[in-house]
Amino acid sequence: MEDLKRFFKKDKFAAHSGIELLEAAPGYAKARLEIEEKHLNALRAVQGGAIFTLADLAFAAASNAYGIAAVGINSNISFVKAATKGTLTAEAKETSINPKIATYTVNITDDSGDLVAIFQGMVYRKKFTLDFSDV
């Protein structure tokens, strides 16, 4: 897991956004985002792109934790509650997998455990393993 956490620190946009990968195992990952002023939109709620980026990092970690390169080929998100302060947590769980395609659901929750958004994604599993030698 430590290699995977170091690997995903190379995701510069997620790192710049303040997202931290907490856990990663094959088919599962958890990440968090402490809400800051820079994450808020004009209505003072967390901007949808920030929530999507949080979910996307958890999705990427869960799907790549097998050590085989996996790239997103489809994703969608539904926003069900506004978030304005505190911490958001994204928990990614694999829902199906085969040698080429895998699907994931990522639930994003607030500090109260309330659901803020639901992300669903699909990856294509490449034919090469991840290289952790330079992480």
Protein backbone atom coordinates (compact mmCIF):
# COMPACT_ATOMS: atom_id res chain seq x y z
CA MET A 1 0.00 0.00 0.00
CA GLU A 2 2.84 2.43 0.72
CA ASP A 3 4.16 2.03 -2.85
CA LEU A 4 0.68 2.82 -4.17
CA LYS A 5 0.35 5.87 -1.93
CA ARG A 6 3.73 7.16 -3.16
CA PHE A 7 2.72 6.38 -6.76
CA PHE A 8 -0.45 8.47 -6.47
CA LYS A 9 1.44 11.42 -5.01
CA LYS A 10 2.55 11.82 -8.63
CA ASP A 11 -1.08 12.76 -9.41
CA LYS A 12 -0.23 16.44 -9.32
CA PHE A 13 -3.79 17.79 -9.68
CA ALA A 14 -5.14 15.70 -6.79
CA ALA A 15 -2.13 16.66 -4.65
CA HIS A 16 -2.55 20.34 -5.51
CA SER A 17 -6.22 20.03 -4.55
CA GLY A 18 -5.24 18.76 -1.09
CA ILE A 19 -6.50 15.20 -1.49
CA GLU A 20 -4.91 12.51 0.68
CA LEU A 21 -5.05 8.80 -0.09
CA LEU A 22 -5.75 7.02 3.21
CA GLU A 23 -6.15 3.36 2.23
CA ALA A 24 -5.74 1.25 -0.87
CA ALA A 25 -6.16 -2.45 -1.51
CA PRO A 26 -7.17 -4.36 -4.63
CA GLY A 27 -10.69 -3.18 -5.45
CA TYR A 28 -10.90 -0.73 -2.54
CA ALA A 29 -9.61 2.72 -1.61
CA LYS A 30 -10.38 5.60 0.70
CA ALA A 31 -9.32 9.24 0.28
CA ARG A 32 -10.17 12.50 1.98
CA LEU A 33 -10.29 16.20 1.33
CA GLU A 34 -10.29 18.85 4.03
CA ILE A 35 -12.52 21.60 2.69
CA GLU A 36 -10.75 24.94 2.31
CA GLU A 37 -11.82 28.30 0.92
CA LYS A 38 -10.27 27.36 -2.46
CA HIS A 39 -12.73 24.45 -2.81
CA LEU A 40 -15.86 26.63 -2.57
CA ASN A 41 -17.93 27.85 -5.49
CA ALA A 42 -19.79 31.18 -5.74
CA LEU A 43 -22.66 29.76 -3.65
CA ARG A 44 -20.18 28.86 -0.85
CA ALA A 45 -20.59 25.11 -1.38
CA VAL A 46 -17.81 22.74 -2.44
CA GLN A 47 -17.33 23.01 -6.19
CA GLY A 48 -18.40 19.90 -8.09
CA GLY A 49 -15.00 19.52 -9.72
CA ALA A 50 -13.33 19.24 -6.31
CA ILE A 51 -15.73 16.46 -5.31
CA PHE A 52 -15.22 14.72 -8.65
CA THR A 53 -11.42 14.90 -8.25
CA LEU A 54 -11.65 13.36 -4.78
CA ALA A 55 -13.81 10.51 -6.09
CA ASP A 56 -11.58 10.05 -9.14
CA LEU A 57 -8.45 9.57 -7.03
CA ALA A 58 -10.14 6.92 -4.87
CA PHE A 59 -11.41 5.24 -8.07
CA ALA A 60 -7.90 5.26 -9.58
CA ALA A 61 -6.28 3.86 -6.44
CA ALA A 62 -8.84 1.05 -6.03
CA SER A 63 -8.57 0.01 -9.67
CA ASN A 64 -4.77 0.20 -9.85
CA ALA A 65 -4.11 -1.48 -6.49
CA TYR A 66 -3.84 -4.84 -8.25
CA GLY A 67 -0.59 -3.56 -9.75
CA ILE A 68 -1.97 -3.74 -13.29
CA ALA A 69 -2.42 -0.40 -15.04
CA ALA A 70 -6.09 0.58 -15.23
CA VAL A 71 -7.36 3.70 -16.99
CA GLY A 72 -10.78 5.28 -16.67
CA ILE A 73 -12.99 4.94 -19.74
CA ASN A 74 -16.29 6.16 -18.30
CA SER A 75 -17.46 7.95 -15.19
CA ASN A 76 -20.44 9.84 -13.87
CA ILE A 77 -21.34 11.56 -10.65
CA SER A 78 -24.57 12.50 -8.91
CA PHE A 79 -24.48 15.26 -6.30
CA VAL A 80 -27.06 14.58 -3.59
CA LYS A 81 -26.18 17.07 -0.83
CA ALA A 82 -24.18 20.29 -0.66
CA ALA A 83 -21.03 20.32 1.44
CA THR A 84 -19.69 23.56 2.87
CA LYS A 85 -17.15 22.77 5.59
CA GLY A 86 -15.25 20.00 7.33
CA THR A 87 -13.85 16.95 5.59
CA LEU A 88 -15.12 14.88 2.70
CA THR A 89 -14.28 11.18 2.45
CA ALA A 90 -14.45 9.09 -0.71
CA GLU A 91 -14.72 5.31 -0.40
CA ALA A 92 -14.30 3.33 -3.61
CA LYS A 93 -15.50 -0.25 -3.93
CA GLU A 94 -15.20 -2.57 -6.87
CA THR A 95 -18.54 -3.82 -8.18
CA SER A 96 -17.32 -6.05 -11.02
CA ILE A 97 -14.06 -7.12 -12.62
CA ASN A 98 -12.86 -9.19 -15.54
CA PRO A 99 -9.53 -9.31 -17.37
CA LYS A 100 -10.26 -6.14 -19.39
CA ILE A 101 -13.01 -4.10 -17.68
CA ALA A 102 -13.82 -3.30 -14.06
CA THR A 103 -16.50 -1.11 -12.47
CA TYR A 104 -16.49 0.86 -9.23
CA THR A 105 -18.83 2.85 -7.04
CA VAL A 106 -17.43 5.67 -4.94
CA ASN A 107 -19.51 7.15 -2.14
CA ILE A 108 -18.49 10.60 -0.97
CA THR A 109 -19.61 11.47 2.56
CA ASP A 110 -19.27 14.43 4.92
CA ASP A 111 -18.21 14.51 8.58
CA SER A 112 -21.71 13.44 9.67
CA GLY A 113 -21.56 10.39 7.41
CA ASP A 114 -24.19 11.90 5.12
CA LEU A 115 -23.92 11.04 1.45
CA VAL A 116 -22.77 14.05 -0.60
CA ALA A 117 -22.23 12.39 -3.99
CA ILE A 118 -22.22 9.03 -5.76
CA PHE A 119 -19.57 8.41 -8.42
CA GLN A 120 -19.57 5.43 -10.75
CA GLY A 121 -16.63 4.58 -12.95
CA MET A 122 -15.35 1.99 -15.38
CA VAL A 123 -11.73 1.18 -16.16
CA TYR A 124 -9.95 -0.62 -18.95
CA ARG A 125 -7.24 -2.89 -17.58
CA LYS A 126 -4.05 -2.51 -19.63
CA LYS A 127 -1.61 -5.32 -20.37
CA PHE A 128 1.23 -4.00 -18.24
CA THR A 129 2.00 -3.71 -14.56
CA LEU A 130 2.67 -0.52 -12.67
CA ASP A 131 6.30 0.43 -12.11
CA PHE A 132 6.90 1.35 -8.49
CA SER A 133 10.68 1.45 -8.88
CA ASP A 134 10.82 5.23 -9.16
CA VAL A 135 8.34 6.09 -6.39
